[in-house]
Structure formats: structure tokens, C-alpha cells
Amino acid sequence: MLGAFNQYRRAMIFAQTQAAKQRKRATDPNYREGRRPYGQNPAEQKTMKLILEFRSAGLSFAAIANKLAADGIITRDGLKVWQPRTVYNILKRSARK
């Protein structure tokens, strides 16, 4: 009996969440789910500018990641270590703009 109630409650929560997302999409044209793209705040814009400069100077993704870590620039998540894949994803996303 308890399992059936939990299953029903889970379905209700799912339906409420979907309805709220649909209302938000209908009323806010800038609504996006998930994380905002990197470079939305001023600190990230400075880091993004550095990454672009390093890449235009011919540095690899790993070299850029190491340089950012050596310069003490932390990631969005507060980590001190940058991953080459993170640098690649930031550059890839900025190229699409």
C-alpha cells in the first residue's frame, strides 16, 4: 500500500514540475533549463578573454588549463584545477555565438 502511495506521489510531483516548466517557457522567452553558458558574469568574461588569447597564441587545451590553474583562476565550481575538456567546451561554445 505504501509503495502505491509513493508511486502516486512521485507521479504528482513530476506532473507539477512539468506544468511549472511549461508555464515558465510560455511567459519567459529567455527561460533555459540547466546551467547558464560560461561567460555570463564579469569574472567569467575575464577568464574567457584569457582563454581566447591563450588559444590564439597557439597554446593547447591542456596548456591553457595548466596556465589558468597556475595563475590561480578558479573554475565556476570553485575548483583550482582546470580540465582540458572544460577549456575545449568553453571555446567550442564561444565559437557558436
N, C-alpha and C. Protein backbone atom coordinates (compact mmCIF):
# COMPACT_ATOMS: atom_id res chain seq x y z
N MET A 1 0.82 -1.19 0.00
CA MET A 1 0.00 0.00 0.00
C MET A 1 0.86 1.26 0.00
N LEU A 2 1.90 1.25 0.83
CA LEU A 2 2.79 2.40 0.91
C LEU A 2 3.51 2.63 -0.42
N GLY A 3 3.88 1.54 -1.09
CA GLY A 3 4.55 1.64 -2.38
C GLY A 3 3.66 2.30 -3.42
N ALA A 4 2.39 1.97 -3.42
CA ALA A 4 1.44 2.56 -4.36
C ALA A 4 1.29 4.06 -4.10
N PHE A 5 1.24 4.43 -2.83
CA PHE A 5 1.12 5.85 -2.49
C PHE A 5 2.36 6.61 -2.94
N ASN A 6 3.53 6.05 -2.70
CA ASN A 6 4.76 6.72 -3.11
C ASN A 6 4.84 6.87 -4.63
N GLN A 7 4.38 5.87 -5.33
CA GLN A 7 4.38 5.92 -6.79
C GLN A 7 3.42 7.03 -7.27
N TYR A 8 2.25 7.11 -6.64
CA TYR A 8 1.29 8.16 -6.98
C TYR A 8 1.87 9.54 -6.68
N ARG A 9 2.49 9.69 -5.52
CA ARG A 9 3.07 10.98 -5.13
C ARG A 9 4.18 11.40 -6.09
N ARG A 10 5.00 10.45 -6.50
CA ARG A 10 6.07 10.74 -7.45
C ARG A 10 5.48 11.23 -8.78
N ALA A 11 4.41 10.58 -9.23
CA ALA A 11 3.75 10.99 -10.48
C ALA A 11 3.17 12.40 -10.34
N MET A 12 2.63 12.72 -9.18
CA MET A 12 2.07 14.06 -8.96
C MET A 12 3.17 15.13 -8.97
N ILE A 13 4.28 14.84 -8.32
CA ILE A 13 5.40 15.79 -8.30
C ILE A 13 5.92 16.01 -9.71
N PHE A 14 6.04 14.94 -10.48
CA PHE A 14 6.51 15.04 -11.86
C PHE A 14 5.56 15.92 -12.68
N ALA A 15 4.27 15.70 -12.54
CA ALA A 15 3.27 16.47 -13.29
C ALA A 15 3.32 17.95 -12.90
N GLN A 16 3.47 18.23 -11.63
CA GLN A 16 3.54 19.61 -11.16
C GLN A 16 4.80 20.30 -11.69
N THR A 17 5.91 19.59 -11.69
CA THR A 17 7.16 20.16 -12.18
C THR A 17 7.07 20.44 -13.67
N GLN A 18 6.52 19.51 -14.43
CA GLN A 18 6.37 19.71 -15.88
C GLN A 18 5.45 20.90 -16.16
N ALA A 19 4.38 21.03 -15.42
CA ALA A 19 3.45 22.14 -15.62
C ALA A 19 4.12 23.47 -15.30
N ALA A 20 4.91 23.52 -14.24
CA ALA A 20 5.62 24.75 -13.88
C ALA A 20 6.63 25.14 -14.96
N LYS A 21 7.35 24.16 -15.49
CA LYS A 21 8.30 24.44 -16.58
C LYS A 21 7.59 24.95 -17.81
N GLN A 22 6.45 24.36 -18.13
CA GLN A 22 5.69 24.79 -19.31
C GLN A 22 5.19 26.21 -19.13
N ARG A 23 4.70 26.56 -17.94
CA ARG A 23 4.24 27.93 -17.67
C ARG A 23 5.40 28.90 -17.80
N LYS A 24 6.56 28.54 -17.27
CA LYS A 24 7.73 29.41 -17.34
C LYS A 24 8.17 29.63 -18.78
N ARG A 25 8.17 28.57 -19.59
CA ARG A 25 8.54 28.70 -21.00
C ARG A 25 7.57 29.62 -21.74
N ALA A 26 6.29 29.55 -21.39
CA ALA A 26 5.28 30.35 -22.06
C ALA A 26 5.39 31.83 -21.70
N THR A 27 5.84 32.13 -20.48
CA THR A 27 5.87 33.52 -20.04
C THR A 27 7.23 34.18 -20.14
N ASP A 28 8.31 33.41 -20.21
CA ASP A 28 9.65 33.98 -20.23
C ASP A 28 10.41 33.47 -21.45
N PRO A 29 10.61 34.32 -22.47
CA PRO A 29 11.31 33.86 -23.68
C PRO A 29 12.78 33.52 -23.43
N ASN A 30 13.37 34.01 -22.34
CA ASN A 30 14.78 33.73 -22.04
C ASN A 30 14.96 32.54 -21.12
N TYR A 31 13.89 31.83 -20.81
CA TYR A 31 13.98 30.70 -19.88
C TYR A 31 14.79 29.56 -20.49
N ARG A 32 15.72 29.06 -19.71
CA ARG A 32 16.52 27.91 -20.11
C ARG A 32 16.66 26.99 -18.91
N GLU A 33 16.63 25.72 -19.17
CA GLU A 33 16.87 24.76 -18.11
C GLU A 33 18.36 24.46 -18.06
N GLY A 34 18.83 24.07 -16.92
CA GLY A 34 20.23 23.72 -16.77
C GLY A 34 21.09 24.93 -16.45
N ARG A 35 22.38 24.73 -16.60
CA ARG A 35 23.32 25.80 -16.26
C ARG A 35 23.39 26.84 -17.36
N ARG A 36 23.67 28.05 -16.95
CA ARG A 36 23.87 29.11 -17.94
C ARG A 36 25.20 28.89 -18.64
N PRO A 37 25.31 29.33 -19.89
CA PRO A 37 26.58 29.18 -20.60
C PRO A 37 27.70 29.94 -19.90
N TYR A 38 28.90 29.44 -20.00
CA TYR A 38 30.06 30.09 -19.38
C TYR A 38 30.27 31.45 -20.01
N GLY A 39 30.57 32.45 -19.17
CA GLY A 39 30.86 33.79 -19.67
C GLY A 39 29.73 34.76 -19.43
N GLN A 40 28.78 34.41 -18.59
CA GLN A 40 27.63 35.27 -18.33
C GLN A 40 27.94 36.37 -17.31
N ASN A 41 28.84 36.11 -16.37
CA ASN A 41 29.16 37.15 -15.38
C ASN A 41 30.53 37.74 -15.67
N PRO A 42 30.84 38.92 -15.09
CA PRO A 42 32.10 39.61 -15.41
C PRO A 42 33.37 38.80 -15.13
N ALA A 43 33.40 38.04 -14.03
CA ALA A 43 34.60 37.25 -13.73
C ALA A 43 34.81 36.18 -14.79
N GLU A 44 33.72 35.55 -15.23
CA GLU A 44 33.83 34.53 -16.27
C GLU A 44 34.23 35.16 -17.60
N GLN A 45 33.79 36.38 -17.85
CA GLN A 45 34.14 37.05 -19.11
C GLN A 45 35.65 37.33 -19.17
N LYS A 46 36.23 37.70 -18.01
CA LYS A 46 37.68 37.91 -17.98
C LYS A 46 38.42 36.61 -18.27
N THR A 47 37.96 35.54 -17.65
CA THR A 47 38.60 34.24 -17.86
C THR A 47 38.44 33.79 -19.31
N MET A 48 37.26 34.03 -19.85
CA MET A 48 37.01 33.65 -21.24
C MET A 48 37.93 34.42 -22.19
N LYS A 49 38.14 35.69 -21.89
CA LYS A 49 39.03 36.51 -22.72
C LYS A 49 40.46 35.95 -22.66
N LEU A 50 40.89 35.55 -21.45
CA LEU A 50 42.22 34.93 -21.31
C LEU A 50 42.32 33.65 -22.12
N ILE A 51 41.30 32.82 -22.01
CA ILE A 51 41.30 31.55 -22.74
C ILE A 51 41.40 31.79 -24.24
N LEU A 52 40.65 32.75 -24.75
CA LEU A 52 40.70 33.08 -26.18
C LEU A 52 42.08 33.61 -26.58
N GLU A 53 42.68 34.44 -25.71
CA GLU A 53 44.02 34.95 -26.01
C GLU A 53 45.05 33.82 -26.03
N PHE A 54 44.97 32.93 -25.04
CA PHE A 54 45.91 31.81 -24.99
C PHE A 54 45.77 30.91 -26.21
N ARG A 55 44.54 30.68 -26.62
CA ARG A 55 44.31 29.80 -27.77
C ARG A 55 44.81 30.46 -29.05
N SER A 56 44.58 31.77 -29.19
CA SER A 56 45.06 32.46 -30.39
C SER A 56 46.59 32.51 -30.42
N ALA A 57 47.22 32.40 -29.24
CA ALA A 57 48.69 32.35 -29.18
C ALA A 57 49.22 30.96 -29.51
N GLY A 58 48.31 30.00 -29.69
CA GLY A 58 48.73 28.67 -30.12
C GLY A 58 48.85 27.65 -29.01
N LEU A 59 48.41 27.97 -27.80
CA LEU A 59 48.51 27.02 -26.70
C LEU A 59 47.46 25.91 -26.87
N SER A 60 47.82 24.72 -26.41
CA SER A 60 46.89 23.59 -26.46
C SER A 60 45.87 23.74 -25.33
N PHE A 61 44.84 22.90 -25.38
CA PHE A 61 43.82 22.94 -24.32
C PHE A 61 44.44 22.59 -22.97
N ALA A 62 45.32 21.62 -22.96
CA ALA A 62 45.98 21.23 -21.71
C ALA A 62 46.89 22.34 -21.19
N ALA A 63 47.60 23.00 -22.09
CA ALA A 63 48.47 24.11 -21.68
C ALA A 63 47.65 25.27 -21.12
N ILE A 64 46.52 25.54 -21.74
CA ILE A 64 45.64 26.61 -21.24
C ILE A 64 45.11 26.25 -19.86
N ALA A 65 44.68 25.01 -19.70
CA ALA A 65 44.17 24.56 -18.40
C ALA A 65 45.25 24.69 -17.33
N ASN A 66 46.46 24.29 -17.65
CA ASN A 66 47.57 24.39 -16.69
C ASN A 66 47.90 25.83 -16.37
N LYS A 67 47.85 26.69 -17.38
CA LYS A 67 48.16 28.12 -17.17
C LYS A 67 47.10 28.77 -16.28
N LEU A 68 45.83 28.46 -16.51
CA LEU A 68 44.76 29.01 -15.68
C LEU A 68 44.92 28.57 -14.22
N ALA A 69 45.26 27.30 -14.03
CA ALA A 69 45.46 26.78 -12.67
C ALA A 69 46.68 27.44 -12.02
N ALA A 70 47.75 27.62 -12.79
CA ALA A 70 48.96 28.24 -12.27
C ALA A 70 48.72 29.70 -11.90
N ASP A 71 47.85 30.36 -12.65
CA ASP A 71 47.53 31.77 -12.38
C ASP A 71 46.55 31.94 -11.23
N GLY A 72 46.06 30.81 -10.69
CA GLY A 72 45.16 30.87 -9.54
C GLY A 72 43.72 31.17 -9.89
N ILE A 73 43.36 31.01 -11.14
CA ILE A 73 41.98 31.26 -11.56
C ILE A 73 41.17 30.00 -11.26
N ILE A 74 40.10 30.17 -10.49
CA ILE A 74 39.28 29.02 -10.13
C ILE A 74 38.16 28.82 -11.13
N THR A 75 37.68 27.59 -11.19
CA THR A 75 36.59 27.26 -12.11
C THR A 75 35.28 27.78 -11.55
N ARG A 76 34.24 27.67 -12.31
CA ARG A 76 32.91 28.09 -11.88
C ARG A 76 32.48 27.34 -10.62
N ASP A 77 32.92 26.11 -10.49
CA ASP A 77 32.56 25.28 -9.35
C ASP A 77 33.48 25.49 -8.15
N GLY A 78 34.43 26.41 -8.26
CA GLY A 78 35.33 26.70 -7.16
C GLY A 78 36.55 25.80 -7.10
N LEU A 79 36.81 25.06 -8.15
CA LEU A 79 37.97 24.17 -8.18
C LEU A 79 39.21 24.94 -8.64
N LYS A 80 40.36 24.50 -8.16
CA LYS A 80 41.60 25.16 -8.54
C LYS A 80 42.24 24.52 -9.77
N VAL A 81 41.75 23.35 -10.15
CA VAL A 81 42.31 22.61 -11.28
C VAL A 81 41.35 22.70 -12.47
N TRP A 82 41.89 23.10 -13.60
CA TRP A 82 41.11 23.15 -14.83
C TRP A 82 41.36 21.89 -15.64
N GLN A 83 40.34 21.40 -16.31
CA GLN A 83 40.48 20.24 -17.18
C GLN A 83 40.56 20.71 -18.63
N PRO A 84 41.40 20.09 -19.45
CA PRO A 84 41.48 20.47 -20.85
C PRO A 84 40.12 20.39 -21.55
N ARG A 85 39.31 19.42 -21.19
CA ARG A 85 37.99 19.27 -21.82
C ARG A 85 37.09 20.47 -21.50
N THR A 86 37.23 21.02 -20.30
CA THR A 86 36.45 22.20 -19.93
C THR A 86 36.83 23.38 -20.81
N VAL A 87 38.13 23.57 -21.01
CA VAL A 87 38.61 24.65 -21.88
C VAL A 87 38.08 24.44 -23.30
N TYR A 88 38.16 23.21 -23.78
CA TYR A 88 37.66 22.88 -25.12
C TYR A 88 36.17 23.22 -25.24
N ASN A 89 35.37 22.82 -24.25
CA ASN A 89 33.93 23.07 -24.30
C ASN A 89 33.61 24.56 -24.28
N ILE A 90 34.35 25.32 -23.50
CA ILE A 90 34.14 26.77 -23.45
C ILE A 90 34.45 27.39 -24.81
N LEU A 91 35.55 26.99 -25.40
CA LEU A 91 35.93 27.53 -26.72
C LEU A 91 34.93 27.09 -27.80
N LYS A 92 34.52 25.86 -27.74
CA LYS A 92 33.55 25.35 -28.72
C LYS A 92 32.24 26.13 -28.64
N ARG A 93 31.79 26.38 -27.41
CA ARG A 93 30.54 27.11 -27.24
C ARG A 93 30.68 28.57 -27.69
N SER A 94 31.84 29.18 -27.41
CA SER A 94 32.03 30.58 -27.80
C SER A 94 32.13 30.72 -29.33
N ALA A 95 32.58 29.68 -30.00
CA ALA A 95 32.69 29.72 -31.46
C ALA A 95 31.32 29.68 -32.13
N ARG A 96 30.34 29.12 -31.42
CA ARG A 96 28.99 29.01 -31.99
C ARG A 96 28.23 30.33 -31.93
N LYS A 97 28.69 31.28 -31.15
CA LYS A 97 27.96 32.55 -30.99
C LYS A 97 28.03 33.40 -32.23
